[in-house]
Amino acid sequence: MKISKEILKITVLGGLLLVVQVFAFTEPSVAPPGDNVPAPLNVGNKWQDKAQGLGLAGLSTQGLTALATNAAYNVGVGTISPAQKLHVVGGKAQADDFCLNSDPSTCLSAFYGPKLCIIAEEASVSEGGTEIIIDDYQPAPNFWTPNHCVKFIQSIMKERYALGCLQSDGRVSYSVDVFDRIQFGKASPPYKSTGIPSPNCGW
């Protein structure tokens, strides 16, 4: 009789465990990881997307030094130990523009363009009188205005100037009068402004 009671206890406990197990786990409708949840990031060879953010202590690609980050929020290309915000090793960095800070005048694009500040001077001619001739030119940053050119001419102790634009075919465009003569300005009293080149390049 005692044995029968023990068997009954085991049978009841086993049945309860079976019921709990049935309610605790239900087989997925399709083979994992499909349907029930999105596929997890794994070591497979398939492209994988993540809809939300991903936090990592560090990052590297190709298991080498192609791209890496560290706890200081530095990004390394060609190194797994970036010492700067962007640290490139073993190659060249290429971008549409590079800026030192949020000031657009510190960008490389501000310093490379077709603007020219033309340096001129008055010279005596053999027939008497004077004429204005071009002495030199100064490549002008893209953010320069005509007043920047005037200040530059004054700083090098010159008087006459003009604004120019270097064209794609190598020619320089100026502001000219009805006789097709370059319109020169004067950077000392009595001041005289020069015209805007045509075609213009942003003066």
Protein backbone atom coordinates (compact mmCIF):
# COMPACT_ATOMS: atom_id res chain seq x y z
CA MET A 1 0.00 0.00 0.00
CA LYS A 2 2.84 2.38 0.88
CA ILE A 3 4.49 1.72 -2.49
CA SER A 4 1.22 2.47 -4.27
CA LYS A 5 0.97 5.84 -2.49
CA GLU A 6 4.52 6.78 -3.51
CA ILE A 7 3.80 5.82 -7.11
CA LEU A 8 0.66 7.95 -7.00
CA LYS A 9 2.64 10.94 -5.67
CA ILE A 10 5.19 10.62 -8.43
CA THR A 11 2.45 10.30 -11.04
CA VAL A 12 0.65 13.43 -9.79
CA LEU A 13 3.87 15.48 -9.58
CA GLY A 14 4.92 14.34 -13.03
CA GLY A 15 1.54 15.34 -14.42
CA LEU A 16 1.77 18.78 -12.82
CA LEU A 17 5.25 19.32 -14.20
CA LEU A 18 4.04 18.30 -17.65
CA VAL A 19 1.14 20.78 -17.48
CA VAL A 20 3.48 23.58 -16.31
CA GLN A 21 5.93 22.76 -19.07
CA VAL A 22 3.20 22.88 -21.73
CA PHE A 23 2.03 26.29 -20.56
CA ALA A 24 5.57 27.59 -20.13
CA PHE A 25 6.79 26.83 -23.65
CA THR A 26 5.04 26.79 -26.98
CA GLU A 27 6.82 25.75 -30.12
CA PRO A 28 7.39 28.64 -32.61
CA SER A 29 5.21 28.70 -35.69
CA VAL A 30 8.24 28.55 -37.96
CA ALA A 31 11.86 27.53 -37.55
CA PRO A 32 13.91 30.05 -35.50
CA PRO A 33 14.75 32.83 -35.91
CA GLY A 34 12.00 33.56 -38.41
CA ASP A 35 8.53 35.02 -37.80
CA ASN A 36 8.45 35.35 -34.01
CA VAL A 37 11.28 37.89 -33.65
CA PRO A 38 13.67 39.63 -36.06
CA ALA A 39 16.82 37.72 -36.86
CA PRO A 40 19.51 38.52 -34.26
CA LEU A 41 22.93 39.91 -35.13
CA ASN A 42 25.18 36.92 -35.49
CA VAL A 43 28.34 35.68 -37.13
CA GLY A 44 26.58 34.66 -40.34
CA ASN A 45 27.58 35.80 -43.83
CA LYS A 46 24.28 37.58 -44.56
CA TRP A 47 23.62 41.33 -44.47
CA GLN A 48 21.99 42.30 -41.18
CA ASP A 49 20.14 45.48 -40.15
CA LYS A 50 19.29 46.89 -36.75
CA ALA A 51 16.39 49.32 -36.44
CA GLN A 52 17.58 50.96 -33.18
CA GLY A 53 20.90 52.00 -31.65
CA LEU A 54 23.76 49.64 -30.98
CA GLY A 55 26.18 50.19 -28.13
CA LEU A 56 29.66 48.71 -28.28
CA ALA A 57 32.72 49.02 -26.11
CA GLY A 58 34.80 49.04 -29.29
CA LEU A 59 34.49 48.42 -33.00
CA SER A 60 36.74 46.96 -35.64
CA THR A 61 36.17 45.68 -39.14
CA GLN A 62 37.71 42.79 -40.99
CA GLY A 63 39.15 41.71 -37.65
CA LEU A 64 42.07 43.99 -38.44
CA THR A 65 42.60 47.77 -38.42
CA ALA A 66 40.29 48.88 -41.21
CA LEU A 67 38.02 50.83 -38.85
CA ALA A 68 37.98 51.12 -35.07
CA THR A 69 36.59 53.25 -32.26
CA ASN A 70 37.53 53.56 -28.62
CA ALA A 71 36.10 54.81 -25.32
CA ALA A 72 37.29 58.37 -26.05
CA TYR A 73 34.97 58.50 -29.09
CA ASN A 74 37.96 58.55 -31.43
CA VAL A 75 37.68 56.92 -34.83
CA GLY A 76 40.61 55.14 -36.37
CA VAL A 77 41.08 54.17 -40.01
CA GLY A 78 44.01 51.85 -40.45
CA THR A 79 44.62 51.74 -36.69
CA ILE A 80 42.91 50.16 -33.69
CA SER A 81 44.37 52.80 -31.34
CA PRO A 82 43.10 56.15 -32.65
CA ALA A 83 44.72 59.04 -30.80
CA GLN A 84 42.57 61.79 -32.39
CA LYS A 85 38.89 62.25 -33.22
CA LEU A 86 39.78 61.03 -36.70
CA HIS A 87 43.08 59.17 -37.00
CA VAL A 88 44.05 57.91 -40.47
CA VAL A 89 47.09 55.66 -40.89
CA GLY A 90 48.59 54.23 -44.05
CA GLY A 91 46.70 56.26 -46.65
CA LYS A 92 45.05 59.54 -47.59
CA ALA A 93 41.85 61.11 -46.30
CA GLN A 94 39.46 62.43 -48.93
CA ALA A 95 36.41 64.65 -48.41
CA ASP A 96 34.44 67.34 -50.20
CA ASP A 97 35.82 69.85 -47.69
CA PHE A 98 37.81 70.13 -44.45
CA CYS A 99 37.12 72.78 -41.80
CA LEU A 100 39.00 73.64 -38.61
CA ASN A 101 35.78 74.57 -36.80
CA SER A 102 32.26 75.84 -37.48
CA ASP A 103 33.58 79.06 -39.05
CA PRO A 104 33.28 78.63 -42.85
CA SER A 105 36.31 80.86 -43.38
CA THR A 106 38.49 78.08 -41.86
CA CYS A 107 37.45 75.56 -44.51
CA LEU A 108 39.81 74.62 -47.32
CA SER A 109 37.10 75.50 -49.80
CA ALA A 110 37.37 79.10 -48.59
CA PHE A 111 40.98 79.30 -49.74
CA TYR A 112 40.88 77.70 -53.15
CA GLY A 113 38.92 79.43 -55.86
CA PRO A 114 39.11 81.61 -58.96
CA LYS A 115 39.13 85.02 -57.23
CA LEU A 116 42.15 87.24 -57.93
CA CYS A 117 43.15 90.53 -56.32
CA ILE A 118 45.07 92.29 -59.08
CA ILE A 119 48.03 94.46 -58.01
CA ALA A 120 48.65 97.37 -60.39
CA GLU A 121 50.71 100.55 -60.50
CA GLU A 122 51.00 103.76 -62.43
CA ALA A 123 54.00 103.90 -64.74
CA SER A 124 55.38 106.74 -66.84
CA VAL A 125 55.27 106.38 -70.60
CA SER A 126 57.81 107.75 -73.06
CA GLU A 127 55.26 109.98 -74.75
CA GLY A 128 54.55 111.65 -71.43
CA GLY A 129 51.94 111.01 -68.83
CA THR A 130 51.26 107.71 -67.08
CA GLU A 131 49.44 104.47 -67.63
CA ILE A 132 48.27 101.78 -65.26
CA ILE A 133 49.89 98.40 -65.69
CA ILE A 134 49.38 95.11 -63.91
CA ASP A 135 52.27 94.37 -61.58
CA ASP A 136 51.20 91.12 -59.94
CA TYR A 137 48.18 89.31 -58.59
CA GLN A 138 47.14 87.73 -55.30
CA PRO A 139 44.96 84.58 -55.24
CA ALA A 140 42.05 85.57 -53.02
CA PRO A 141 40.17 83.33 -50.55
CA ASN A 142 36.61 82.64 -51.60
CA PHE A 143 35.21 84.59 -48.65
CA TRP A 144 37.00 87.81 -49.66
CA THR A 145 34.95 90.84 -50.65
CA PRO A 146 36.24 93.78 -52.75
CA ASN A 147 37.05 95.55 -49.47
CA HIS A 148 39.40 92.68 -48.51
CA CYS A 149 41.31 93.32 -51.73
CA VAL A 150 41.52 97.06 -50.96
CA LYS A 151 42.89 96.33 -47.48
CA PHE A 152 45.45 93.95 -48.97
CA ILE A 153 46.61 96.55 -51.52
CA GLN A 154 46.99 99.09 -48.71
CA SER A 155 48.97 96.60 -46.59
CA ILE A 156 51.60 96.14 -49.32
CA MET A 157 51.87 99.92 -49.85
CA LYS A 158 50.33 99.91 -53.31
CA GLU A 159 47.59 102.09 -54.73
CA ARG A 160 46.06 100.67 -57.86
CA TYR A 161 44.12 97.41 -58.00
CA ALA A 162 41.47 95.48 -59.88
CA LEU A 163 39.35 92.41 -59.30
CA GLY A 164 39.81 89.35 -61.49
CA CYS A 165 38.39 85.89 -62.03
CA LEU A 166 40.43 82.97 -63.32
CA GLN A 167 38.34 81.16 -65.92
CA SER A 168 38.40 77.44 -66.66
CA ASP A 169 40.24 78.06 -69.96
CA GLY A 170 43.08 79.86 -68.16
CA ARG A 171 42.05 83.39 -69.09
CA VAL A 172 41.33 86.10 -66.51
CA SER A 173 38.15 88.14 -66.66
CA TYR A 174 38.05 91.77 -65.47
CA SER A 175 35.64 94.65 -65.31
CA VAL A 176 36.20 96.69 -68.48
CA ASP A 177 34.85 100.01 -69.74
CA VAL A 178 33.24 100.77 -73.10
CA PHE A 179 36.71 100.92 -74.68
CA ASP A 180 37.50 97.42 -73.39
CA ARG A 181 39.99 98.81 -70.88
CA ILE A 182 40.38 97.31 -67.41
CA GLN A 183 38.72 99.44 -64.74
CA PHE A 184 41.29 99.94 -61.98
CA GLY A 185 40.47 101.12 -58.48
CA LYS A 186 42.50 103.31 -56.16
CA ALA A 187 43.23 102.15 -52.60
CA SER A 188 44.43 105.55 -51.31
CA PRO A 189 42.82 109.03 -51.27
CA PRO A 190 41.06 109.97 -53.40
CA TYR A 191 39.62 106.44 -53.31
CA LYS A 192 38.16 104.92 -56.42
CA SER A 193 36.33 101.61 -56.54
CA THR A 194 36.86 99.10 -59.28
CA GLY A 195 34.22 97.22 -61.22
CA ILE A 196 33.07 93.61 -60.86
CA PRO A 197 34.57 91.14 -63.35
CA SER A 198 32.43 89.66 -66.08
CA PRO A 199 32.05 86.71 -65.98
CA ASN A 200 32.04 87.06 -62.19
CA CYS A 201 33.27 84.45 -59.71
CA GLY A 202 31.65 85.67 -56.52
CA TRP A 203 33.11 89.15 -56.01
